N, C-alpha and C. Protein backbone atom coordinates (compact mmCIF):
# COMPACT_ATOMS: atom_id res chain seq x y z
N MET A 1 0.82 -1.19 0.00
CA MET A 1 0.00 0.00 0.00
C MET A 1 0.87 1.25 0.00
N ILE A 2 1.99 1.21 0.74
CA ILE A 2 2.88 2.38 0.79
C ILE A 2 3.48 2.62 -0.59
N ARG A 3 3.90 1.52 -1.27
CA ARG A 3 4.46 1.68 -2.62
C ARG A 3 3.43 2.27 -3.56
N GLN A 4 2.20 1.88 -3.37
CA GLN A 4 1.11 2.38 -4.20
C GLN A 4 0.90 3.88 -3.99
N LEU A 5 0.96 4.32 -2.75
CA LEU A 5 0.70 5.73 -2.45
C LEU A 5 1.90 6.62 -2.75
N THR A 6 3.11 6.08 -2.56
CA THR A 6 4.31 6.91 -2.74
C THR A 6 4.89 6.83 -4.13
N GLY A 7 4.56 5.80 -4.88
CA GLY A 7 5.12 5.63 -6.22
C GLY A 7 4.17 6.15 -7.30
N GLY A 8 4.55 5.87 -8.53
CA GLY A 8 3.74 6.33 -9.67
C GLY A 8 2.63 5.36 -10.04
N ASP A 9 2.48 4.27 -9.31
CA ASP A 9 1.48 3.23 -9.63
C ASP A 9 0.33 3.33 -8.63
N ARG A 10 -0.47 4.37 -8.76
CA ARG A 10 -1.55 4.64 -7.79
C ARG A 10 -2.63 3.55 -7.78
N LEU A 11 -2.87 2.90 -8.92
CA LEU A 11 -3.91 1.86 -8.97
C LEU A 11 -3.39 0.49 -8.51
N GLY A 12 -2.12 0.36 -8.31
CA GLY A 12 -1.55 -0.91 -7.84
C GLY A 12 -1.61 -2.00 -8.89
N LEU A 13 -1.43 -1.63 -10.16
CA LEU A 13 -1.50 -2.61 -11.24
C LEU A 13 -0.12 -3.00 -11.77
N GLY A 14 0.92 -2.35 -11.35
CA GLY A 14 2.26 -2.61 -11.87
C GLY A 14 3.25 -2.90 -10.78
N ALA A 15 4.29 -2.05 -10.70
CA ALA A 15 5.39 -2.26 -9.77
C ALA A 15 4.95 -2.26 -8.32
N ALA A 16 3.92 -1.50 -7.98
CA ALA A 16 3.46 -1.44 -6.59
C ALA A 16 2.90 -2.78 -6.13
N ALA A 17 2.37 -3.55 -7.03
CA ALA A 17 1.76 -4.84 -6.66
C ALA A 17 2.75 -5.99 -6.73
N GLN A 18 3.95 -5.72 -7.23
CA GLN A 18 4.91 -6.78 -7.43
C GLN A 18 5.78 -6.96 -6.18
N SER A 19 5.84 -8.19 -5.67
CA SER A 19 6.66 -8.48 -4.49
C SER A 19 8.09 -8.77 -4.91
N ASP A 20 8.99 -8.84 -3.95
CA ASP A 20 10.38 -9.19 -4.24
C ASP A 20 10.46 -10.59 -4.84
N ARG A 21 9.64 -11.51 -4.33
CA ARG A 21 9.64 -12.87 -4.86
C ARG A 21 9.16 -12.91 -6.31
N SER A 22 8.07 -12.20 -6.60
CA SER A 22 7.54 -12.24 -7.96
C SER A 22 8.46 -11.55 -8.96
N LYS A 23 9.31 -10.63 -8.50
CA LYS A 23 10.29 -10.00 -9.38
C LYS A 23 11.33 -11.01 -9.86
N GLN A 24 11.59 -12.04 -9.06
CA GLN A 24 12.61 -13.04 -9.39
C GLN A 24 12.06 -14.18 -10.24
N LEU A 25 10.75 -14.29 -10.37
CA LEU A 25 10.16 -15.38 -11.14
C LEU A 25 10.44 -15.20 -12.63
N ARG A 26 10.65 -16.33 -13.32
CA ARG A 26 10.90 -16.33 -14.76
C ARG A 26 9.93 -17.31 -15.43
N ALA A 27 9.62 -17.05 -16.66
CA ALA A 27 8.73 -17.93 -17.41
C ALA A 27 9.38 -19.30 -17.60
N ARG A 28 8.58 -20.34 -17.59
CA ARG A 28 9.10 -21.70 -17.78
C ARG A 28 9.76 -21.88 -19.14
N VAL A 29 9.37 -21.07 -20.11
CA VAL A 29 9.86 -21.24 -21.47
C VAL A 29 11.00 -20.29 -21.80
N GLU A 30 11.41 -19.49 -20.84
CA GLU A 30 12.41 -18.45 -21.09
C GLU A 30 13.76 -19.00 -21.52
N ASP A 31 14.18 -20.14 -20.99
CA ASP A 31 15.51 -20.66 -21.30
C ASP A 31 15.51 -21.74 -22.37
N ALA A 32 14.42 -21.88 -23.12
CA ALA A 32 14.36 -22.88 -24.18
C ALA A 32 15.33 -22.53 -25.31
N ASP A 33 15.98 -23.56 -25.88
CA ASP A 33 16.87 -23.37 -27.02
C ASP A 33 16.09 -23.04 -28.29
N ARG A 34 14.95 -23.72 -28.42
CA ARG A 34 14.14 -23.50 -29.63
C ARG A 34 12.69 -23.86 -29.34
N VAL A 35 11.82 -23.40 -30.21
CA VAL A 35 10.39 -23.69 -30.11
C VAL A 35 9.99 -24.40 -31.40
N VAL A 36 9.34 -25.55 -31.25
CA VAL A 36 8.91 -26.34 -32.39
C VAL A 36 7.39 -26.32 -32.44
N LYS A 37 6.84 -25.98 -33.59
CA LYS A 37 5.38 -26.00 -33.73
C LYS A 37 4.95 -27.43 -33.98
N SER A 38 3.85 -27.81 -33.35
CA SER A 38 3.36 -29.18 -33.47
C SER A 38 1.84 -29.17 -33.39
N ILE A 39 1.27 -30.36 -33.46
CA ILE A 39 -0.17 -30.55 -33.37
C ILE A 39 -0.43 -31.53 -32.23
N CYS A 40 -1.44 -31.26 -31.43
CA CYS A 40 -1.81 -32.15 -30.33
C CYS A 40 -2.17 -33.52 -30.89
N PRO A 41 -1.68 -34.61 -30.28
CA PRO A 41 -1.91 -35.95 -30.82
C PRO A 41 -3.20 -36.62 -30.38
N TYR A 42 -4.00 -35.99 -29.54
CA TYR A 42 -5.08 -36.72 -28.89
C TYR A 42 -6.37 -36.89 -29.69
N CYS A 43 -6.78 -35.92 -30.46
CA CYS A 43 -8.05 -36.09 -31.19
C CYS A 43 -7.90 -35.51 -32.59
N ALA A 44 -8.97 -35.48 -33.33
CA ALA A 44 -8.92 -35.03 -34.71
C ALA A 44 -9.10 -33.52 -34.86
N VAL A 45 -9.22 -32.78 -33.77
CA VAL A 45 -9.39 -31.33 -33.88
C VAL A 45 -8.15 -30.69 -34.46
N GLY A 46 -6.98 -31.10 -34.03
CA GLY A 46 -5.73 -30.57 -34.57
C GLY A 46 -5.29 -29.27 -33.94
N CYS A 47 -5.43 -29.15 -32.64
CA CYS A 47 -5.01 -27.94 -31.94
C CYS A 47 -3.51 -27.73 -32.08
N GLY A 48 -3.11 -26.49 -32.31
CA GLY A 48 -1.70 -26.16 -32.46
C GLY A 48 -1.00 -26.13 -31.12
N GLN A 49 0.25 -26.58 -31.11
CA GLN A 49 1.05 -26.57 -29.89
C GLN A 49 2.41 -25.96 -30.18
N ARG A 50 2.97 -25.34 -29.16
CA ARG A 50 4.35 -24.91 -29.18
C ARG A 50 5.11 -25.81 -28.22
N VAL A 51 6.11 -26.50 -28.75
CA VAL A 51 6.92 -27.41 -27.94
C VAL A 51 8.26 -26.73 -27.68
N TYR A 52 8.55 -26.49 -26.42
CA TYR A 52 9.78 -25.81 -26.02
C TYR A 52 10.84 -26.86 -25.71
N VAL A 53 12.02 -26.70 -26.32
CA VAL A 53 13.07 -27.70 -26.22
C VAL A 53 14.34 -27.04 -25.69
N LYS A 54 14.98 -27.70 -24.73
CA LYS A 54 16.29 -27.26 -24.23
C LYS A 54 17.20 -28.49 -24.16
N ASP A 55 18.36 -28.38 -24.76
CA ASP A 55 19.34 -29.47 -24.78
C ASP A 55 18.74 -30.76 -25.31
N GLY A 56 17.89 -30.67 -26.33
CA GLY A 56 17.29 -31.84 -26.96
C GLY A 56 16.16 -32.49 -26.19
N ALA A 57 15.72 -31.89 -25.08
CA ALA A 57 14.63 -32.46 -24.29
C ALA A 57 13.45 -31.48 -24.24
N VAL A 58 12.26 -32.02 -24.25
CA VAL A 58 11.05 -31.20 -24.16
C VAL A 58 10.93 -30.66 -22.74
N THR A 59 10.81 -29.34 -22.63
CA THR A 59 10.70 -28.72 -21.30
C THR A 59 9.30 -28.20 -21.02
N GLN A 60 8.53 -27.90 -22.06
CA GLN A 60 7.18 -27.37 -21.88
C GLN A 60 6.41 -27.50 -23.18
N ILE A 61 5.11 -27.73 -23.09
CA ILE A 61 4.23 -27.72 -24.26
C ILE A 61 3.06 -26.82 -23.92
N GLU A 62 2.80 -25.85 -24.80
CA GLU A 62 1.70 -24.91 -24.59
C GLU A 62 0.92 -24.76 -25.88
N GLY A 63 -0.26 -24.18 -25.78
CA GLY A 63 -1.07 -23.90 -26.95
C GLY A 63 -0.41 -22.86 -27.83
N ASP A 64 -0.62 -22.98 -29.14
CA ASP A 64 -0.03 -22.05 -30.10
C ASP A 64 -1.03 -20.96 -30.44
N PRO A 65 -0.77 -19.73 -30.01
CA PRO A 65 -1.72 -18.64 -30.29
C PRO A 65 -1.84 -18.34 -31.79
N ASP A 66 -0.89 -18.78 -32.61
CA ASP A 66 -0.96 -18.57 -34.05
C ASP A 66 -1.86 -19.58 -34.75
N SER A 67 -2.30 -20.61 -34.05
CA SER A 67 -3.14 -21.65 -34.65
C SER A 67 -4.55 -21.11 -34.90
N PRO A 68 -5.03 -21.18 -36.13
CA PRO A 68 -6.39 -20.72 -36.40
C PRO A 68 -7.45 -21.66 -35.83
N ILE A 69 -7.04 -22.86 -35.45
CA ILE A 69 -7.99 -23.84 -34.92
C ILE A 69 -8.22 -23.61 -33.43
N SER A 70 -7.14 -23.54 -32.67
CA SER A 70 -7.29 -23.48 -31.21
C SER A 70 -6.93 -22.12 -30.61
N ARG A 71 -6.30 -21.26 -31.38
CA ARG A 71 -5.95 -19.90 -30.95
C ARG A 71 -5.26 -19.89 -29.58
N GLY A 72 -4.36 -20.83 -29.36
CA GLY A 72 -3.58 -20.86 -28.12
C GLY A 72 -4.20 -21.65 -26.99
N ARG A 73 -5.35 -22.22 -27.21
CA ARG A 73 -6.02 -22.97 -26.15
C ARG A 73 -5.80 -24.47 -26.33
N LEU A 74 -5.74 -25.18 -25.20
CA LEU A 74 -5.65 -26.64 -25.23
C LEU A 74 -6.62 -27.20 -24.20
N CYS A 75 -7.20 -28.35 -24.51
CA CYS A 75 -8.06 -29.03 -23.54
C CYS A 75 -7.16 -29.62 -22.45
N PRO A 76 -7.72 -30.19 -21.39
CA PRO A 76 -6.87 -30.77 -20.33
C PRO A 76 -5.91 -31.85 -20.83
N LYS A 77 -6.35 -32.68 -21.77
CA LYS A 77 -5.44 -33.71 -22.29
C LYS A 77 -4.31 -33.08 -23.08
N GLY A 78 -4.63 -32.11 -23.92
CA GLY A 78 -3.60 -31.43 -24.71
C GLY A 78 -2.63 -30.67 -23.84
N ALA A 79 -3.15 -30.05 -22.79
CA ALA A 79 -2.30 -29.28 -21.87
C ALA A 79 -1.35 -30.20 -21.11
N ALA A 80 -1.73 -31.45 -20.93
CA ALA A 80 -0.89 -32.41 -20.20
C ALA A 80 -0.05 -33.27 -21.14
N SER A 81 0.01 -32.94 -22.44
CA SER A 81 0.70 -33.80 -23.39
C SER A 81 2.21 -33.85 -23.20
N LYS A 82 2.78 -32.94 -22.42
CA LYS A 82 4.21 -33.03 -22.11
C LYS A 82 4.51 -34.37 -21.43
N GLN A 83 3.56 -34.84 -20.62
CA GLN A 83 3.75 -36.12 -19.92
C GLN A 83 3.87 -37.28 -20.89
N LEU A 84 3.31 -37.12 -22.08
CA LEU A 84 3.37 -38.18 -23.08
C LEU A 84 4.81 -38.51 -23.45
N VAL A 85 5.68 -37.51 -23.46
CA VAL A 85 7.06 -37.73 -23.88
C VAL A 85 8.07 -37.66 -22.75
N THR A 86 7.69 -37.12 -21.59
CA THR A 86 8.69 -36.94 -20.52
C THR A 86 8.42 -37.74 -19.26
N SER A 87 7.31 -38.44 -19.18
CA SER A 87 6.97 -39.17 -17.96
C SER A 87 7.99 -40.27 -17.67
N PRO A 88 8.44 -40.38 -16.43
CA PRO A 88 9.37 -41.46 -16.08
C PRO A 88 8.70 -42.84 -16.18
N SER A 89 7.39 -42.88 -16.19
CA SER A 89 6.70 -44.17 -16.32
C SER A 89 6.36 -44.50 -17.78
N ARG A 90 6.85 -43.68 -18.72
CA ARG A 90 6.61 -43.96 -20.13
C ARG A 90 7.28 -45.28 -20.51
N VAL A 91 6.53 -46.12 -21.17
CA VAL A 91 7.04 -47.44 -21.56
C VAL A 91 8.02 -47.27 -22.72
N ASP A 92 9.22 -47.79 -22.57
CA ASP A 92 10.21 -47.72 -23.63
C ASP A 92 10.80 -49.09 -23.95
N ARG A 93 10.12 -50.12 -23.49
CA ARG A 93 10.52 -51.49 -23.76
C ARG A 93 9.27 -52.27 -24.14
N VAL A 94 9.46 -53.39 -24.79
CA VAL A 94 8.37 -54.24 -25.24
C VAL A 94 8.51 -55.59 -24.57
N LEU A 95 7.40 -56.13 -24.08
CA LEU A 95 7.43 -57.49 -23.56
C LEU A 95 7.12 -58.45 -24.70
N TYR A 96 7.94 -59.47 -24.85
CA TYR A 96 7.82 -60.41 -25.96
C TYR A 96 7.95 -61.83 -25.43
N ARG A 97 7.04 -62.68 -25.89
CA ARG A 97 7.11 -64.09 -25.53
C ARG A 97 7.34 -64.88 -26.80
N ARG A 98 8.47 -65.50 -26.89
CA ARG A 98 8.83 -66.28 -28.08
C ARG A 98 7.87 -67.47 -28.22
N PRO A 99 7.71 -67.98 -29.42
CA PRO A 99 6.84 -69.14 -29.61
C PRO A 99 7.23 -70.29 -28.68
N TYR A 100 6.24 -70.84 -28.01
CA TYR A 100 6.36 -71.98 -27.09
C TYR A 100 7.09 -71.63 -25.79
N ALA A 101 7.48 -70.39 -25.61
CA ALA A 101 8.17 -70.01 -24.37
C ALA A 101 7.14 -69.82 -23.25
N ARG A 102 7.59 -69.93 -22.02
CA ARG A 102 6.70 -69.73 -20.88
C ARG A 102 6.92 -68.39 -20.21
N GLU A 103 8.03 -67.75 -20.52
CA GLU A 103 8.39 -66.49 -19.88
C GLU A 103 8.43 -65.35 -20.90
N TRP A 104 8.10 -64.17 -20.42
CA TRP A 104 8.22 -62.97 -21.23
C TRP A 104 9.63 -62.44 -21.12
N GLU A 105 10.10 -61.83 -22.21
CA GLU A 105 11.40 -61.17 -22.16
C GLU A 105 11.23 -59.72 -22.59
N SER A 106 12.12 -58.88 -22.12
CA SER A 106 12.07 -57.46 -22.42
C SER A 106 12.94 -57.15 -23.63
N LEU A 107 12.36 -56.47 -24.62
CA LEU A 107 13.10 -56.06 -25.81
C LEU A 107 13.08 -54.54 -25.91
N SER A 108 14.11 -53.98 -26.51
CA SER A 108 14.10 -52.54 -26.77
C SER A 108 13.11 -52.25 -27.91
N LEU A 109 12.65 -51.02 -27.99
CA LEU A 109 11.73 -50.65 -29.08
C LEU A 109 12.38 -50.85 -30.44
N ASP A 110 13.67 -50.54 -30.54
CA ASP A 110 14.38 -50.72 -31.82
C ASP A 110 14.40 -52.19 -32.23
N ASP A 111 14.70 -53.08 -31.29
CA ASP A 111 14.71 -54.51 -31.61
C ASP A 111 13.32 -55.00 -32.01
N ALA A 112 12.31 -54.54 -31.30
CA ALA A 112 10.93 -54.95 -31.61
C ALA A 112 10.52 -54.45 -32.99
N MET A 113 10.88 -53.21 -33.32
CA MET A 113 10.53 -52.67 -34.64
C MET A 113 11.24 -53.43 -35.76
N GLU A 114 12.50 -53.78 -35.54
CA GLU A 114 13.23 -54.58 -36.53
C GLU A 114 12.57 -55.94 -36.73
N MET A 115 12.15 -56.55 -35.63
CA MET A 115 11.50 -57.85 -35.69
C MET A 115 10.18 -57.76 -36.47
N ILE A 116 9.42 -56.73 -36.21
CA ILE A 116 8.15 -56.54 -36.91
C ILE A 116 8.39 -56.30 -38.40
N ALA A 117 9.34 -55.42 -38.72
CA ALA A 117 9.65 -55.12 -40.12
C ALA A 117 10.08 -56.38 -40.87
N ASP A 118 10.93 -57.19 -40.25
CA ASP A 118 11.37 -58.44 -40.88
C ASP A 118 10.19 -59.35 -41.17
N ARG A 119 9.26 -59.44 -40.22
CA ARG A 119 8.10 -60.31 -40.40
C ARG A 119 7.14 -59.79 -41.47
N VAL A 120 6.97 -58.48 -41.53
CA VAL A 120 6.10 -57.89 -42.57
C VAL A 120 6.70 -58.16 -43.94
N ILE A 121 7.99 -57.93 -44.09
CA ILE A 121 8.65 -58.14 -45.38
C ILE A 121 8.57 -59.61 -45.79
N ALA A 122 8.82 -60.52 -44.86
CA ALA A 122 8.76 -61.95 -45.17
C ALA A 122 7.34 -62.38 -45.54
N THR A 123 6.35 -61.90 -44.78
CA THR A 123 4.95 -62.26 -45.08
C THR A 123 4.54 -61.72 -46.44
N ARG A 124 4.92 -60.49 -46.73
CA ARG A 124 4.59 -59.90 -48.04
C ARG A 124 5.21 -60.71 -49.17
N ARG A 125 6.47 -61.09 -48.99
CA ARG A 125 7.17 -61.87 -50.02
C ARG A 125 6.49 -63.23 -50.24
N GLU A 126 6.08 -63.88 -49.15
CA GLU A 126 5.49 -65.22 -49.24
C GLU A 126 4.06 -65.21 -49.75
N THR A 127 3.33 -64.13 -49.56
CA THR A 127 1.90 -64.12 -49.91
C THR A 127 1.57 -63.17 -51.06
N TRP A 128 2.58 -62.65 -51.73
CA TRP A 128 2.35 -61.68 -52.80
C TRP A 128 1.65 -62.33 -53.98
N GLN A 129 0.67 -61.62 -54.55
CA GLN A 129 -0.08 -62.09 -55.72
C GLN A 129 0.11 -61.07 -56.85
N ASP A 130 0.84 -61.50 -57.90
CA ASP A 130 1.01 -60.62 -59.06
C ASP A 130 -0.26 -60.60 -59.91
N THR A 131 -0.81 -61.79 -60.17
CA THR A 131 -2.01 -61.90 -61.02
C THR A 131 -2.95 -62.96 -60.44
N ASP A 132 -4.19 -62.93 -60.91
CA ASP A 132 -5.13 -63.98 -60.51
C ASP A 132 -5.07 -65.13 -61.52
N GLU A 133 -5.98 -66.11 -61.37
CA GLU A 133 -5.95 -67.29 -62.23
C GLU A 133 -6.28 -66.98 -63.69
N HIS A 134 -6.86 -65.80 -63.97
CA HIS A 134 -7.19 -65.39 -65.34
C HIS A 134 -6.14 -64.46 -65.93
N GLY A 135 -5.10 -64.19 -65.17
CA GLY A 135 -4.04 -63.32 -65.65
C GLY A 135 -4.26 -61.85 -65.38
N ALA A 136 -5.36 -61.53 -64.68
CA ALA A 136 -5.61 -60.12 -64.34
C ALA A 136 -4.60 -59.65 -63.30
N ARG A 137 -4.10 -58.46 -63.49
CA ARG A 137 -3.07 -57.92 -62.60
C ARG A 137 -3.67 -57.61 -61.23
N LEU A 138 -3.03 -58.08 -60.14
CA LEU A 138 -3.50 -57.85 -58.78
C LEU A 138 -2.55 -56.95 -57.97
N ASN A 139 -1.26 -57.33 -57.94
CA ASN A 139 -0.27 -56.60 -57.14
C ASN A 139 -0.77 -56.34 -55.72
N ARG A 140 -0.99 -57.42 -54.98
CA ARG A 140 -1.52 -57.30 -53.62
C ARG A 140 -1.08 -58.49 -52.77
N THR A 141 -1.38 -58.37 -51.48
CA THR A 141 -1.18 -59.47 -50.56
C THR A 141 -2.38 -59.58 -49.64
N ASP A 142 -2.76 -60.80 -49.34
CA ASP A 142 -3.79 -61.05 -48.33
C ASP A 142 -3.13 -61.58 -47.05
N GLY A 143 -1.81 -61.45 -46.97
CA GLY A 143 -1.05 -62.00 -45.86
C GLY A 143 -1.15 -61.21 -44.57
N PHE A 144 -1.55 -59.96 -44.64
CA PHE A 144 -1.73 -59.16 -43.43
C PHE A 144 -2.79 -58.10 -43.68
N ALA A 145 -3.29 -57.55 -42.60
CA ALA A 145 -4.35 -56.54 -42.67
C ALA A 145 -4.09 -55.49 -41.60
N SER A 146 -4.90 -54.44 -41.61
CA SER A 146 -4.76 -53.39 -40.61
C SER A 146 -6.13 -52.99 -40.09
N LEU A 147 -6.22 -52.87 -38.77
CA LEU A 147 -7.43 -52.34 -38.15
C LEU A 147 -7.00 -51.26 -37.18
N GLY A 148 -7.20 -50.01 -37.57
CA GLY A 148 -6.86 -48.88 -36.71
C GLY A 148 -7.86 -48.77 -35.58
N GLY A 149 -7.47 -48.15 -34.51
CA GLY A 149 -8.35 -48.05 -33.34
C GLY A 149 -8.85 -46.65 -33.10
N ALA A 150 -9.79 -46.53 -32.17
CA ALA A 150 -10.37 -45.24 -31.84
C ALA A 150 -9.37 -44.34 -31.10
N THR A 151 -8.32 -44.92 -30.54
CA THR A 151 -7.34 -44.10 -29.85
C THR A 151 -6.36 -43.46 -30.82
N LEU A 152 -6.41 -43.87 -32.09
CA LEU A 152 -5.57 -43.24 -33.10
C LEU A 152 -6.29 -42.01 -33.64
N ASP A 153 -5.53 -40.97 -33.95
CA ASP A 153 -6.17 -39.80 -34.53
C ASP A 153 -6.26 -39.95 -36.05
N ASN A 154 -6.91 -39.00 -36.70
CA ASN A 154 -7.10 -39.07 -38.15
C ASN A 154 -5.78 -39.16 -38.89
N GLU A 155 -4.79 -38.40 -38.44
CA GLU A 155 -3.51 -38.39 -39.12
C GLU A 155 -2.84 -39.76 -39.04
N GLU A 156 -2.91 -40.41 -37.87
CA GLU A 156 -2.31 -41.74 -37.73
C GLU A 156 -3.04 -42.75 -38.61
N ASN A 157 -4.37 -42.71 -38.63
CA ASN A 157 -5.12 -43.62 -39.49
C ASN A 157 -4.80 -43.37 -40.95
N TYR A 158 -4.65 -42.10 -41.34
CA TYR A 158 -4.29 -41.75 -42.71
C TYR A 158 -2.93 -42.33 -43.08
N LEU A 159 -1.95 -42.16 -42.19
CA LEU A 159 -0.61 -42.68 -42.46
C LEU A 159 -0.60 -44.21 -42.52
N MET A 160 -1.39 -44.85 -41.64
CA MET A 160 -1.48 -46.31 -41.68
C MET A 160 -2.10 -46.77 -43.00
N LYS A 161 -3.13 -46.07 -43.45
CA LYS A 161 -3.77 -46.41 -44.73
C LYS A 161 -2.75 -46.31 -45.87
N LYS A 162 -1.97 -45.23 -45.88
CA LYS A 162 -0.95 -45.07 -46.93
C LYS A 162 0.10 -46.18 -46.85
N LEU A 163 0.56 -46.50 -45.64
CA LEU A 163 1.58 -47.52 -45.47
C LEU A 163 1.08 -48.87 -45.95
N TYR A 164 -0.08 -49.30 -45.48
CA TYR A 164 -0.58 -50.62 -45.84
C TYR A 164 -0.97 -50.70 -47.30
N THR A 165 -1.45 -49.61 -47.88
CA THR A 165 -1.74 -49.60 -49.32
C THR A 165 -0.44 -49.76 -50.10
N ALA A 166 0.60 -49.04 -49.71
CA ALA A 166 1.90 -49.14 -50.38
C ALA A 166 2.49 -50.54 -50.25
N LEU A 167 2.20 -51.23 -49.14
CA LEU A 167 2.68 -52.59 -48.94
C LEU A 167 1.86 -53.61 -49.73
N GLY A 168 0.72 -53.18 -50.28
CA GLY A 168 -0.11 -54.08 -51.08
C GLY A 168 -1.23 -54.74 -50.31
N ALA A 169 -1.47 -54.34 -49.08
CA ALA A 169 -2.55 -54.94 -48.30
C ALA A 169 -3.90 -54.52 -48.87
N VAL A 170 -4.89 -55.39 -48.69
CA VAL A 170 -6.23 -55.13 -49.19
C VAL A 170 -7.17 -54.78 -48.04
N GLN A 171 -7.07 -55.50 -46.93
CA GLN A 171 -7.97 -55.28 -45.80
C GLN A 171 -7.38 -54.19 -44.90
N ILE A 172 -7.91 -52.98 -45.06
CA ILE A 172 -7.44 -51.83 -44.26
C ILE A 172 -8.67 -51.11 -43.74
N GLU A 173 -8.85 -51.13 -42.44
CA GLU A 173 -10.02 -50.49 -41.84
C GLU A 173 -9.61 -49.74 -40.59
N ASN A 174 -10.51 -48.90 -40.10
CA ASN A 174 -10.37 -48.31 -38.77
C ASN A 174 -11.74 -48.18 -38.18
N GLN A 175 -11.82 -47.99 -36.88
CA GLN A 175 -13.11 -47.98 -36.20
C GLN A 175 -14.03 -46.88 -36.69
N ALA A 176 -13.48 -45.82 -37.23
CA ALA A 176 -14.31 -44.73 -37.73
C ALA A 176 -15.15 -45.18 -38.92
N ARG A 177 -14.69 -46.21 -39.64
CA ARG A 177 -15.43 -46.67 -40.82
C ARG A 177 -16.31 -47.88 -40.53
N ILE A 178 -16.14 -48.52 -39.40
CA ILE A 178 -16.88 -49.76 -39.15
C ILE A 178 -18.24 -49.45 -38.53
């Protein structure tokens, strides 16, 4: 109150209202090395996000005020999306049980992805159909299919559709179409 009466901030909206502690506070994003524009991964709305990065690690995720869709706002899930990439409980290993084994083993994500890729390539090679019995061109495989889930957003389902189509798969669906 004394600062308000003796200083130039009679309404107490500026320096008069600021405490010594609040003068020392800094924005969480102030020391970021760079800001990367992104899109929230949770739903099909496509809210814009600003991802703040320092030393290669995500330090903060906020709404992007430049986004014409969300204008800087995020829902509770979008506002908490930093946890998606920084949570110490984030799963970074895969549990795998080999055929006929009784125990699960832990694999790295890289090893699991390599294993999946090898199996997709082998299945495609073994089940590829160039033509049908009448000589009509097919260029497809019935060896694998894709069923996207409701937890995937439109962009993920779109990319899965492109991937499986490029691989020659015929059965490609997601819950939005079923």
